[in-house]
Amino acid sequence: MNTTTRQHLSKTTSNIRQNAPQCLTPLPSTWVTLLEPPNSSCYDEALLMCQYSDGRWAVWIPDFGEIGLHSGQFCRLS
């Protein structure tokens, strides 16, 4: 992902934070936008894999790997 795309996605993520209440209910096998990616060099999108019993989600981030996140850390868009 190039720098221009990251800057654009960063602006998009800022807009998503402002509109977070409009996010849809998370479902497995859905791509979501990460509101706060784990680090600045990884993608800001992830694939939901499954939900843990404590409410967190196992997600897969391209070029990063698997990580557990709370639903407030991502937004499922239409």
N, C-alpha and C. Protein backbone atom coordinates (compact mmCIF):
# COMPACT_ATOMS: atom_id res chain seq x y z
N MET A 1 0.85 -1.16 0.00
CA MET A 1 0.00 0.00 0.00
C MET A 1 0.90 1.22 0.00
N ASN A 2 0.65 2.16 -0.88
CA ASN A 2 1.54 3.31 -0.97
C ASN A 2 1.15 4.40 0.03
N THR A 3 2.01 5.39 0.19
CA THR A 3 1.81 6.44 1.19
C THR A 3 0.54 7.23 0.92
N THR A 4 0.27 7.56 -0.34
CA THR A 4 -0.93 8.32 -0.67
C THR A 4 -2.18 7.56 -0.26
N THR A 5 -2.21 6.26 -0.52
CA THR A 5 -3.35 5.45 -0.13
C THR A 5 -3.49 5.42 1.39
N ARG A 6 -2.38 5.27 2.11
CA ARG A 6 -2.43 5.26 3.58
C ARG A 6 -2.97 6.58 4.11
N GLN A 7 -2.55 7.70 3.52
CA GLN A 7 -3.04 9.01 3.97
C GLN A 7 -4.54 9.11 3.72
N HIS A 8 -4.98 8.65 2.55
CA HIS A 8 -6.40 8.68 2.24
C HIS A 8 -7.17 7.80 3.21
N LEU A 9 -6.67 6.58 3.46
CA LEU A 9 -7.35 5.68 4.38
C LEU A 9 -7.34 6.22 5.80
N SER A 10 -6.28 6.93 6.16
CA SER A 10 -6.21 7.53 7.48
C SER A 10 -7.31 8.57 7.65
N LYS A 11 -7.52 9.38 6.61
CA LYS A 11 -8.60 10.37 6.65
C LYS A 11 -9.95 9.67 6.71
N THR A 12 -10.09 8.58 5.96
CA THR A 12 -11.32 7.81 5.97
C THR A 12 -11.57 7.25 7.37
N THR A 13 -10.53 6.74 8.01
CA THR A 13 -10.67 6.19 9.36
C THR A 13 -11.11 7.28 10.33
N SER A 14 -10.59 8.49 10.19
CA SER A 14 -11.00 9.59 11.06
C SER A 14 -12.48 9.86 10.89
N ASN A 15 -12.95 9.82 9.65
CA ASN A 15 -14.38 10.02 9.40
C ASN A 15 -15.21 8.90 10.00
N ILE A 16 -14.70 7.67 9.93
CA ILE A 16 -15.42 6.53 10.49
C ILE A 16 -15.56 6.69 12.00
N ARG A 17 -14.51 7.16 12.67
CA ARG A 17 -14.58 7.36 14.12
C ARG A 17 -15.73 8.30 14.47
N GLN A 18 -15.91 9.34 13.68
CA GLN A 18 -16.96 10.31 13.94
C GLN A 18 -18.33 9.68 13.71
N ASN A 19 -18.41 8.69 12.81
CA ASN A 19 -19.67 8.06 12.46
C ASN A 19 -19.81 6.67 13.07
N ALA A 20 -19.03 6.35 14.07
CA ALA A 20 -19.00 5.00 14.63
C ALA A 20 -20.37 4.43 14.99
N PRO A 21 -21.33 5.22 15.51
CA PRO A 21 -22.63 4.63 15.83
C PRO A 21 -23.35 4.04 14.62
N GLN A 22 -22.95 4.40 13.40
CA GLN A 22 -23.58 3.88 12.21
C GLN A 22 -22.97 2.56 11.76
N CYS A 23 -21.97 2.07 12.47
CA CYS A 23 -21.34 0.81 12.12
C CYS A 23 -22.33 -0.34 12.30
N LEU A 24 -22.22 -1.33 11.43
CA LEU A 24 -23.12 -2.47 11.48
C LEU A 24 -22.61 -3.53 12.44
N THR A 25 -23.47 -4.45 12.83
CA THR A 25 -23.10 -5.54 13.72
C THR A 25 -22.04 -6.41 13.06
N PRO A 26 -20.96 -6.72 13.77
CA PRO A 26 -19.91 -7.56 13.18
C PRO A 26 -20.39 -8.98 12.93
N LEU A 27 -19.93 -9.55 11.82
CA LEU A 27 -20.23 -10.93 11.47
C LEU A 27 -18.94 -11.60 11.00
N PRO A 28 -18.77 -12.90 11.27
CA PRO A 28 -17.58 -13.61 10.78
C PRO A 28 -17.47 -13.54 9.26
N SER A 29 -16.26 -13.65 8.76
CA SER A 29 -15.94 -13.62 7.32
C SER A 29 -16.29 -12.28 6.68
N THR A 30 -16.22 -11.21 7.47
CA THR A 30 -16.51 -9.86 6.98
C THR A 30 -15.26 -9.01 7.11
N TRP A 31 -14.99 -8.20 6.09
CA TRP A 31 -13.88 -7.24 6.17
C TRP A 31 -14.35 -6.02 6.94
N VAL A 32 -13.51 -5.56 7.83
CA VAL A 32 -13.82 -4.39 8.66
C VAL A 32 -12.70 -3.37 8.54
N THR A 33 -13.00 -2.14 8.90
CA THR A 33 -12.00 -1.08 8.96
C THR A 33 -11.52 -0.97 10.39
N LEU A 34 -10.22 -0.99 10.58
CA LEU A 34 -9.65 -0.85 11.92
C LEU A 34 -9.63 0.62 12.29
N LEU A 35 -10.19 0.95 13.43
CA LEU A 35 -10.20 2.35 13.87
C LEU A 35 -8.84 2.78 14.39
N GLU A 36 -8.09 1.82 14.94
CA GLU A 36 -6.73 2.08 15.41
C GLU A 36 -5.87 0.87 15.06
N PRO A 37 -5.27 0.86 13.85
CA PRO A 37 -4.42 -0.28 13.47
C PRO A 37 -3.32 -0.51 14.50
N PRO A 38 -2.88 -1.77 14.67
CA PRO A 38 -1.86 -2.10 15.68
C PRO A 38 -0.55 -1.34 15.52
N ASN A 39 -0.18 -1.00 14.28
CA ASN A 39 0.99 -0.16 14.07
C ASN A 39 0.79 0.63 12.78
N SER A 40 1.62 1.62 12.58
CA SER A 40 1.44 2.54 11.45
C SER A 40 1.78 1.92 10.10
N SER A 41 2.45 0.79 10.09
CA SER A 41 2.86 0.20 8.82
C SER A 41 1.92 -0.91 8.34
N CYS A 42 0.90 -1.25 9.10
CA CYS A 42 0.01 -2.32 8.66
C CYS A 42 -1.26 -1.74 8.03
N TYR A 43 -1.98 -2.61 7.35
CA TYR A 43 -3.22 -2.22 6.72
C TYR A 43 -4.23 -1.77 7.77
N ASP A 44 -5.21 -0.97 7.35
CA ASP A 44 -6.25 -0.55 8.30
C ASP A 44 -7.55 -1.30 8.04
N GLU A 45 -7.44 -2.46 7.39
CA GLU A 45 -8.58 -3.33 7.19
C GLU A 45 -8.22 -4.74 7.67
N ALA A 46 -9.23 -5.47 8.12
CA ALA A 46 -8.98 -6.81 8.64
C ALA A 46 -10.19 -7.70 8.36
N LEU A 47 -9.95 -9.00 8.35
CA LEU A 47 -11.01 -9.98 8.16
C LEU A 47 -11.40 -10.57 9.51
N LEU A 48 -12.68 -10.48 9.84
CA LEU A 48 -13.17 -11.10 11.08
C LEU A 48 -13.21 -12.61 10.90
N MET A 49 -12.63 -13.34 11.86
CA MET A 49 -12.61 -14.79 11.75
C MET A 49 -13.64 -15.43 12.67
N CYS A 50 -13.58 -15.14 13.96
CA CYS A 50 -14.55 -15.69 14.90
C CYS A 50 -14.55 -14.84 16.16
N GLN A 51 -15.62 -14.99 16.94
CA GLN A 51 -15.73 -14.23 18.18
C GLN A 51 -15.41 -15.14 19.36
N TYR A 52 -14.55 -14.65 20.25
CA TYR A 52 -14.18 -15.40 21.46
C TYR A 52 -15.32 -15.30 22.48
N SER A 53 -15.30 -16.16 23.47
CA SER A 53 -16.35 -16.16 24.50
C SER A 53 -16.36 -14.88 25.33
N ASP A 54 -15.21 -14.17 25.39
CA ASP A 54 -15.17 -12.93 26.15
C ASP A 54 -15.62 -11.71 25.33
N GLY A 55 -16.08 -11.94 24.10
CA GLY A 55 -16.60 -10.86 23.26
C GLY A 55 -15.60 -10.29 22.27
N ARG A 56 -14.29 -10.58 22.47
CA ARG A 56 -13.30 -10.12 21.50
C ARG A 56 -13.43 -10.92 20.21
N TRP A 57 -12.85 -10.39 19.15
CA TRP A 57 -12.85 -11.05 17.85
C TRP A 57 -11.45 -11.44 17.44
N ALA A 58 -11.31 -12.61 16.84
CA ALA A 58 -10.07 -12.98 16.17
C ALA A 58 -10.16 -12.37 14.78
N VAL A 59 -9.19 -11.54 14.44
CA VAL A 59 -9.17 -10.91 13.12
C VAL A 59 -7.83 -11.18 12.46
N TRP A 60 -7.83 -11.18 11.13
CA TRP A 60 -6.61 -11.36 10.36
C TRP A 60 -6.34 -10.10 9.57
N ILE A 61 -5.15 -9.53 9.76
CA ILE A 61 -4.73 -8.31 9.08
C ILE A 61 -3.68 -8.71 8.05
N PRO A 62 -3.89 -8.37 6.75
CA PRO A 62 -2.89 -8.71 5.73
C PRO A 62 -1.51 -8.18 6.10
N ASP A 63 -0.49 -8.96 5.85
CA ASP A 63 0.91 -8.62 6.13
C ASP A 63 1.19 -8.34 7.60
N PHE A 64 0.26 -8.71 8.49
CA PHE A 64 0.46 -8.53 9.93
C PHE A 64 0.22 -9.85 10.65
N GLY A 65 -0.95 -10.44 10.39
CA GLY A 65 -1.29 -11.71 11.02
C GLY A 65 -2.56 -11.63 11.84
N GLU A 66 -2.71 -12.59 12.73
CA GLU A 66 -3.91 -12.69 13.56
C GLU A 66 -3.73 -11.89 14.84
N ILE A 67 -4.83 -11.28 15.28
CA ILE A 67 -4.83 -10.50 16.52
C ILE A 67 -6.24 -10.52 17.09
N GLY A 68 -6.37 -10.38 18.39
CA GLY A 68 -7.68 -10.30 19.03
C GLY A 68 -8.04 -8.85 19.30
N LEU A 69 -9.25 -8.45 18.90
CA LEU A 69 -9.70 -7.07 19.07
C LEU A 69 -11.10 -7.02 19.66
N HIS A 70 -11.39 -5.95 20.40
CA HIS A 70 -12.74 -5.69 20.87
C HIS A 70 -13.52 -5.02 19.74
N SER A 71 -14.82 -5.16 19.73
CA SER A 71 -15.63 -4.63 18.63
C SER A 71 -15.54 -3.10 18.52
N GLY A 72 -15.13 -2.42 19.57
CA GLY A 72 -14.95 -0.97 19.51
C GLY A 72 -13.68 -0.55 18.78
N GLN A 73 -12.85 -1.51 18.40
CA GLN A 73 -11.60 -1.21 17.72
C GLN A 73 -11.71 -1.32 16.20
N PHE A 74 -12.90 -1.68 15.71
CA PHE A 74 -13.11 -1.77 14.27
C PHE A 74 -14.55 -1.41 13.95
N CYS A 75 -14.81 -1.20 12.67
CA CYS A 75 -16.15 -0.84 12.23
C CYS A 75 -16.48 -1.65 11.00
N ARG A 76 -17.60 -2.34 11.03
CA ARG A 76 -18.06 -3.06 9.85
C ARG A 76 -18.95 -2.13 9.05
N LEU A 77 -18.54 -1.89 7.83
CA LEU A 77 -19.30 -1.02 6.95
C LEU A 77 -20.22 -1.84 6.07
N SER A 78 -21.08 -1.20 5.33
CA SER A 78 -22.05 -1.91 4.48
C SER A 78 -21.39 -2.81 3.46
